Amino acid sequence: MELIVKEESKTDYNYGSDPYNRDIKTLLNTGLVVIDKPSGPTSHEVAAWVRNMLNLVKAGHGGTLDPKVTGALPVALGNTTKCVPIWHIPPKEYVCLMHLHDDAELVDIENIFKEFTGRIHQRPPLKAAVKRSLRIRKIYEIEILEIDGRDILFRTKCQSGTYLRKLVDDMGEALGTSAHMQELRRTISGPFYEKEAVYLQDLLDAYIFWKEDGNEEELRKLVKPLEYGLQHLKKIIVKDSAVDAVCHGATLYSSGISKIEKGLGTDEVVLIETLKGEAVAVGKPLMNTKDMLKTEEGEVVEITRVIMEPGIYPRIWKKRNKNDKSKPELKKK
């Protein structure tokens, strides 16, 4: 990541905090944990277990409802649930065991796998939690790892929202043998990797160590700040004076920017951060990095999702008439 300074700014350490130095109670309510999900329970059930285990009011997840899927399952703790949709932006990666219902020639199998690379049409299965309308999903990569009789082990990198069970069904039908998904492991879920996933029992043990012995070291190793799950987004760093206005949904103006990441375009989601590295909001850039650096006034990012709670930073924006429903603007100095 290369940040370009638009205006040198200092931060006031009386407000906010370094995300990686939050106290443990705040971390548990604004953090995340990547669980190595076992086969059997749904992602909803796993998230509920984590919520109850850590005595939280709420917890969300970035997984699928299919109980057969194992592997990396990011679980959002407390207020971090508002970040879950952002985790679905990057592709996901799976290793899948596909079982054919009849014999097939190797060349035919290889051709079908090539045919299902790129843009495909999918209709969600009957048990899906979304409307069963035909939609387009992208298969970025699909690689056969091993073939043993009628069993095919393959790896695929695909757009979030792709139904692997349906992909296997469709490939089997196209092959003329029919097929079903026997096992499925999620190795990459958005910005999270299988290698960082932890077992539920390890999370419970770490929580008990903290509650009973006051030792938070192991719990801190497993629970990450919400910013950890937003590292894949390009960034704009704002001045302290702009933070609270953005927390109230105000469009980000050029005058509120301190630094901009190089190569930012208008076709992506951008993360608004404080000078301490705290996530404030995500939004849609209205111009690229070059134009943001040149402009002195005007709107530069339309805020689509606020992450930070208002009131953490001081309010430094214009008061409005109570009948004025427009979003707040920064006070001009």
Protein backbone atom coordinates (compact mmCIF):
# COMPACT_ATOMS: atom_id res chain seq x y z
CA MET A 1 0.00 0.00 0.00
CA GLU A 2 1.38 3.40 -1.01
CA LEU A 3 -0.23 6.46 0.56
CA ILE A 4 0.14 9.92 -0.96
CA VAL A 5 -0.05 12.90 1.39
CA LYS A 6 -2.59 15.52 0.40
CA GLU A 7 -2.22 17.55 3.61
CA GLU A 8 -0.01 16.80 6.60
CA SER A 9 -2.20 16.33 9.69
CA LYS A 10 -1.79 15.35 13.32
CA THR A 11 -4.18 13.32 15.42
CA ASP A 12 -5.37 14.02 18.96
CA TYR A 13 -4.83 10.94 21.14
CA ASN A 14 -7.56 12.09 23.51
CA TYR A 15 -10.00 10.64 20.97
CA GLY A 16 -10.17 7.15 19.47
CA SER A 17 -7.41 4.57 19.75
CA ASP A 18 -5.04 2.32 17.82
CA PRO A 19 -7.23 -0.64 16.70
CA TYR A 20 -4.58 -3.15 17.81
CA ASN A 21 -4.39 -1.66 21.31
CA ARG A 22 -8.08 -1.64 22.20
CA ASP A 23 -8.98 -3.00 25.63
CA ILE A 24 -10.14 -6.61 25.53
CA LYS A 25 -13.82 -5.86 26.26
CA THR A 26 -14.00 -3.37 23.41
CA LEU A 27 -12.16 -5.81 21.13
CA LEU A 28 -14.72 -8.54 21.84
CA ASN A 29 -17.55 -6.19 20.83
CA THR A 30 -15.83 -4.72 17.77
CA GLY A 31 -13.71 -7.60 16.55
CA LEU A 32 -13.80 -10.80 14.54
CA VAL A 33 -12.59 -14.37 14.71
CA VAL A 34 -12.00 -16.86 11.89
CA ILE A 35 -13.38 -20.26 12.88
CA ASP A 36 -12.38 -23.59 11.35
CA LYS A 37 -15.96 -24.68 10.78
CA PRO A 38 -16.67 -28.42 11.12
CA SER A 39 -19.09 -30.35 8.92
CA GLY A 40 -22.60 -30.66 10.36
CA PRO A 41 -23.67 -27.33 11.86
CA THR A 42 -24.66 -24.40 9.66
CA SER A 43 -22.71 -21.14 9.69
CA HIS A 44 -25.66 -19.59 11.58
CA GLU A 45 -25.28 -22.18 14.32
CA VAL A 46 -21.52 -21.69 14.57
CA ALA A 47 -21.96 -17.90 14.83
CA ALA A 48 -24.58 -18.44 17.57
CA TRP A 49 -22.19 -20.70 19.48
CA VAL A 50 -19.48 -18.05 19.30
CA ARG A 51 -21.95 -15.37 20.45
CA ASN A 52 -23.02 -17.43 23.47
CA MET A 53 -19.47 -18.56 24.24
CA LEU A 54 -18.21 -14.96 24.42
CA ASN A 55 -21.39 -13.64 26.11
CA LEU A 56 -22.15 -11.19 23.30
CA VAL A 57 -25.47 -9.67 22.25
CA LYS A 58 -24.94 -10.49 18.58
CA ALA A 59 -22.60 -12.14 16.11
CA GLY A 60 -22.77 -12.54 12.35
CA HIS A 61 -20.92 -14.61 9.78
CA GLY A 62 -19.55 -14.48 6.26
CA GLY A 63 -20.37 -18.07 5.30
CA THR A 64 -22.97 -20.23 3.60
CA LEU A 65 -25.98 -22.06 5.06
CA ASP A 66 -24.76 -25.39 3.67
CA PRO A 67 -23.88 -27.55 6.75
CA LYS A 68 -21.53 -29.70 4.66
CA VAL A 69 -19.06 -26.84 4.06
CA THR A 70 -16.00 -26.84 6.32
CA GLY A 71 -13.03 -24.48 6.65
CA ALA A 72 -12.52 -20.76 7.12
CA LEU A 73 -15.62 -19.06 8.53
CA PRO A 74 -15.22 -15.40 9.55
CA VAL A 75 -17.49 -14.49 12.48
CA ALA A 76 -18.24 -10.84 13.24
CA LEU A 77 -18.50 -10.00 16.94
CA GLY A 78 -20.90 -7.39 18.31
CA ASN A 79 -21.03 -4.23 16.21
CA THR A 80 -18.68 -5.73 13.59
CA THR A 81 -21.72 -7.39 11.93
CA LYS A 82 -22.09 -4.24 9.81
CA CYS A 83 -18.81 -5.23 8.07
CA VAL A 84 -20.01 -8.66 6.90
CA PRO A 85 -21.23 -7.49 3.44
CA ILE A 86 -17.78 -5.99 2.78
CA TRP A 87 -16.18 -9.42 3.31
CA HIS A 88 -18.12 -10.72 0.31
CA ILE A 89 -16.40 -8.35 -2.13
CA PRO A 90 -13.24 -10.44 -2.79
CA PRO A 91 -13.45 -13.92 -4.41
CA LYS A 92 -13.64 -17.11 -2.33
CA GLU A 93 -11.63 -20.27 -2.80
CA TYR A 94 -12.75 -23.86 -2.20
CA VAL A 95 -11.43 -27.39 -2.49
CA CYS A 96 -14.27 -29.68 -3.51
CA LEU A 97 -14.73 -33.44 -3.84
CA MET A 98 -17.12 -34.18 -6.70
CA HIS A 99 -18.56 -37.68 -7.21
CA LEU A 100 -19.74 -38.72 -10.68
CA HIS A 101 -22.70 -41.12 -10.94
CA ASP A 102 -21.26 -42.83 -13.99
CA ASP A 103 -17.91 -43.31 -15.70
CA ALA A 104 -16.51 -40.54 -17.91
CA GLU A 105 -13.49 -40.09 -20.15
CA LEU A 106 -10.66 -37.87 -18.85
CA VAL A 107 -10.76 -35.64 -21.93
CA ASP A 108 -14.51 -35.06 -21.46
CA ILE A 109 -14.00 -34.17 -17.78
CA GLU A 110 -11.23 -31.71 -18.65
CA ASN A 111 -13.36 -30.07 -21.35
CA ILE A 112 -16.31 -29.62 -18.98
CA PHE A 113 -14.07 -27.97 -16.38
CA LYS A 114 -12.81 -25.56 -19.04
CA GLU A 115 -16.40 -24.86 -20.12
CA PHE A 116 -17.34 -23.85 -16.57
CA THR A 117 -14.48 -21.34 -16.25
CA GLY A 118 -15.40 -17.66 -16.61
CA ARG A 119 -18.94 -16.28 -16.47
CA ILE A 120 -21.59 -18.89 -15.72
CA HIS A 121 -25.35 -18.77 -15.18
CA GLN A 122 -26.70 -20.16 -11.91
CA ARG A 123 -30.10 -20.51 -10.33
CA PRO A 124 -29.80 -20.80 -6.51
CA PRO A 125 -30.93 -24.18 -5.07
CA LEU A 126 -34.30 -24.65 -3.37
CA LYS A 127 -32.83 -24.34 0.14
CA ALA A 128 -31.03 -21.06 -0.64
CA ALA A 129 -31.79 -17.98 1.45
CA VAL A 130 -32.10 -15.80 -1.66
CA LYS A 131 -34.60 -15.44 -4.48
CA ARG A 132 -34.25 -18.27 -7.01
CA SER A 133 -33.72 -16.07 -10.04
CA LEU A 134 -31.12 -16.83 -12.72
CA ARG A 135 -27.93 -14.87 -12.12
CA ILE A 136 -24.39 -14.61 -13.42
CA ARG A 137 -21.39 -15.60 -11.33
CA LYS A 138 -17.71 -15.68 -12.27
CA ILE A 139 -15.43 -18.69 -11.87
CA TYR A 140 -11.95 -17.14 -11.87
CA GLU A 141 -10.03 -20.41 -11.64
CA ILE A 142 -10.90 -24.11 -11.59
CA GLU A 143 -8.20 -26.77 -11.36
CA ILE A 144 -8.46 -30.55 -11.20
CA LEU A 145 -6.19 -31.75 -8.38
CA GLU A 146 -6.81 -35.49 -8.50
CA ILE A 147 -9.10 -38.06 -10.12
CA ASP A 148 -9.74 -41.43 -8.47
CA GLY A 149 -12.34 -43.44 -10.37
CA ARG A 150 -15.54 -41.40 -10.21
CA ASP A 151 -14.19 -39.03 -7.54
CA ILE A 152 -12.76 -35.70 -8.72
CA LEU A 153 -10.92 -33.41 -6.31
CA PHE A 154 -10.70 -29.85 -7.59
CA ARG A 155 -9.87 -26.33 -6.44
CA THR A 156 -11.84 -23.29 -7.53
CA LYS A 157 -11.63 -19.55 -7.02
CA CYS A 158 -15.02 -17.98 -7.57
CA GLN A 159 -17.15 -14.90 -7.05
CA SER A 160 -18.86 -14.63 -3.68
CA GLY A 161 -22.40 -15.98 -3.89
CA THR A 162 -21.49 -18.90 -6.16
CA TYR A 163 -23.22 -22.12 -5.09
CA LEU A 164 -20.63 -24.90 -5.32
CA ARG A 165 -23.20 -27.65 -4.81
CA LYS A 166 -25.12 -26.28 -7.81
CA LEU A 167 -21.89 -25.88 -9.81
CA VAL A 168 -21.14 -29.58 -9.28
CA ASP A 169 -24.72 -30.55 -10.24
CA ASP A 170 -24.54 -28.48 -13.41
CA MET A 171 -21.13 -29.87 -14.42
CA GLY A 172 -22.36 -33.42 -13.88
CA GLU A 173 -25.42 -32.76 -16.02
CA ALA A 174 -23.27 -31.21 -18.78
CA LEU A 175 -20.95 -34.21 -18.62
CA GLY A 176 -23.91 -36.56 -19.03
CA THR A 177 -23.17 -38.58 -15.90
CA SER A 178 -24.84 -36.43 -13.22
CA ALA A 179 -22.84 -35.76 -10.04
CA HIS A 180 -23.06 -34.53 -6.49
CA MET A 181 -20.84 -32.63 -4.07
CA GLN A 182 -19.37 -35.05 -1.54
CA GLU A 183 -17.17 -32.69 0.49
CA LEU A 184 -16.38 -28.97 0.36
CA ARG A 185 -13.74 -26.99 2.24
CA ARG A 186 -13.49 -23.19 2.11
CA THR A 187 -9.77 -22.30 1.98
CA ILE A 188 -10.20 -18.56 1.39
CA SER A 189 -13.24 -16.51 2.45
CA GLY A 190 -12.86 -12.95 1.21
CA PRO A 191 -9.81 -11.50 3.01
CA PHE A 192 -9.51 -14.52 5.36
CA TYR A 193 -7.44 -17.68 4.90
CA GLU A 194 -7.77 -21.26 6.10
CA LYS A 195 -4.37 -21.11 7.84
CA GLU A 196 -5.64 -18.46 10.30
CA ALA A 197 -8.82 -20.35 11.24
CA VAL A 198 -9.11 -21.57 14.84
CA TYR A 199 -11.13 -24.32 16.49
CA LEU A 200 -14.14 -23.45 18.62
CA GLN A 201 -12.63 -25.27 21.60
CA ASP A 202 -9.47 -23.15 21.39
CA LEU A 203 -11.57 -19.99 21.42
CA LEU A 204 -13.51 -21.23 24.45
CA ASP A 205 -10.30 -22.12 26.30
CA ALA A 206 -8.80 -18.68 25.60
CA TYR A 207 -11.99 -16.98 26.84
CA ILE A 208 -11.96 -19.04 30.06
CA PHE A 209 -8.28 -18.20 30.67
CA TRP A 210 -9.21 -14.52 30.49
CA LYS A 211 -12.38 -14.73 32.62
CA GLU A 212 -10.92 -16.96 35.33
CA ASP A 213 -7.23 -16.02 35.38
CA GLY A 214 -7.27 -12.53 33.86
CA ASN A 215 -4.87 -13.72 31.12
CA GLU A 216 -5.96 -12.15 27.83
CA GLU A 217 -2.86 -13.10 25.80
CA GLU A 218 -4.35 -16.16 24.06
CA LEU A 219 -7.69 -14.45 23.43
CA ARG A 220 -5.93 -11.53 21.73
CA LYS A 221 -4.16 -13.97 19.41
CA LEU A 222 -7.50 -15.33 18.19
CA VAL A 223 -9.73 -12.23 18.15
CA LYS A 224 -8.74 -9.57 15.62
CA PRO A 225 -9.92 -5.94 15.38
CA LEU A 226 -12.53 -5.26 12.68
CA GLU A 227 -9.89 -3.36 10.67
CA TYR A 228 -8.09 -6.66 10.10
CA GLY A 229 -10.99 -7.78 7.93
CA LEU A 230 -10.90 -4.62 5.80
CA GLN A 231 -7.26 -4.78 4.71
CA HIS A 232 -8.26 -5.71 1.16
CA LEU A 233 -9.84 -2.29 0.56
CA LYS A 234 -7.97 0.75 -0.72
CA LYS A 235 -7.84 3.60 1.77
CA ILE A 236 -8.40 7.28 2.30
CA ILE A 237 -7.06 8.70 5.59
CA VAL A 238 -9.06 11.62 6.97
CA LYS A 239 -8.31 14.39 9.46
CA ASP A 240 -9.74 14.21 12.97
CA SER A 241 -12.03 17.12 12.07
CA ALA A 242 -13.78 15.06 9.37
CA VAL A 243 -14.38 11.87 11.36
CA ASP A 244 -17.60 12.65 13.23
CA ALA A 245 -19.31 14.16 10.18
CA VAL A 246 -18.62 10.96 8.22
CA CYS A 247 -19.91 8.95 11.20
CA HIS A 248 -23.21 10.81 10.74
CA GLY A 249 -23.32 9.83 7.06
CA ALA A 250 -21.91 13.02 5.56
CA THR A 251 -20.30 12.84 2.14
CA LEU A 252 -16.52 13.13 2.45
CA TYR A 253 -15.20 16.45 1.12
CA SER A 254 -11.74 17.11 -0.26
CA SER A 255 -10.91 19.38 2.66
CA GLY A 256 -11.24 16.46 5.09
CA ILE A 257 -8.55 14.30 3.46
CA SER A 258 -5.03 13.83 4.80
CA LYS A 259 -3.76 10.90 2.69
CA ILE A 260 -4.97 8.89 -0.32
CA GLU A 261 -3.85 5.47 -1.51
CA LYS A 262 -2.20 5.45 -4.91
CA GLY A 263 -4.23 4.03 -7.82
CA LEU A 264 -7.70 4.58 -6.37
CA GLY A 265 -10.43 4.46 -9.02
CA THR A 266 -14.15 5.21 -9.14
CA ASP A 267 -15.14 1.58 -9.73
CA GLU A 268 -14.25 0.22 -6.30
CA VAL A 269 -15.15 0.38 -2.62
CA VAL A 270 -12.87 2.58 -0.52
CA LEU A 271 -12.22 2.45 3.23
CA ILE A 272 -12.22 5.72 5.17
CA GLU A 273 -9.74 5.54 8.06
CA THR A 274 -8.60 7.83 10.84
CA LEU A 275 -4.96 8.86 11.28
CA LYS A 276 -4.78 6.17 14.00
CA GLY A 277 -5.89 3.46 11.56
CA GLU A 278 -9.50 3.13 12.78
CA ALA A 279 -12.18 2.20 10.25
CA VAL A 280 -14.74 5.01 9.95
CA ALA A 281 -16.83 4.07 6.91
CA VAL A 282 -16.75 2.66 3.40
CA GLY A 283 -17.90 4.48 0.31
CA LYS A 284 -17.85 5.01 -3.43
CA PRO A 285 -15.11 7.30 -4.77
CA LEU A 286 -16.44 10.09 -6.96
CA MET A 287 -13.03 10.66 -8.55
CA ASN A 288 -9.65 8.93 -8.79
CA THR A 289 -6.53 9.53 -6.70
CA LYS A 290 -5.04 12.04 -9.12
CA ASP A 291 -8.18 14.20 -9.19
CA MET A 292 -8.62 14.02 -5.41
CA LEU A 293 -5.10 15.36 -4.95
CA LYS A 294 -5.77 18.27 -7.29
CA THR A 295 -9.19 19.35 -6.04
CA GLU A 296 -9.38 21.78 -3.13
CA GLU A 297 -13.13 21.70 -2.55
CA GLY A 298 -16.12 19.49 -3.30
CA GLU A 299 -17.36 15.97 -2.66
CA VAL A 300 -14.91 13.13 -3.20
CA VAL A 301 -16.51 10.02 -1.61
CA GLU A 302 -20.16 9.07 -1.22
CA ILE A 303 -20.53 7.14 2.05
CA THR A 304 -22.38 3.83 1.65
CA ARG A 305 -21.84 2.21 5.06
CA VAL A 306 -20.83 3.84 8.36
CA ILE A 307 -18.72 1.65 10.65
CA MET A 308 -17.60 3.87 13.55
CA GLU A 309 -20.16 5.00 16.10
CA PRO A 310 -20.75 8.80 16.23
CA GLY A 311 -19.36 10.72 19.20
CA ILE A 312 -15.95 9.06 19.45
CA TYR A 313 -14.35 12.11 17.81
CA PRO A 314 -15.44 15.72 18.50
CA ARG A 315 -18.19 17.24 16.42
CA ILE A 316 -16.68 19.85 14.11
CA TRP A 317 -19.37 20.53 11.54
CA LYS A 318 -22.09 23.07 10.82
CA LYS A 319 -25.27 23.11 12.84
CA ARG A 320 -28.41 23.03 10.69
CA ASN A 321 -31.96 24.11 10.98
CA LYS A 322 -34.02 21.28 12.50
CA ASN A 323 -36.14 21.14 9.32
CA ASP A 324 -33.04 20.66 7.14
CA LYS A 325 -32.78 16.95 6.31
CA SER A 326 -29.52 17.20 4.33
CA LYS A 327 -26.38 15.50 5.59
CA PRO A 328 -23.93 17.50 7.76
CA GLU A 329 -21.00 19.41 6.30
CA LEU A 330 -17.69 20.31 7.90
CA LYS A 331 -17.30 23.80 9.27
CA LYS A 332 -15.09 25.94 7.07
CA LYS A 333 -12.02 27.27 8.86
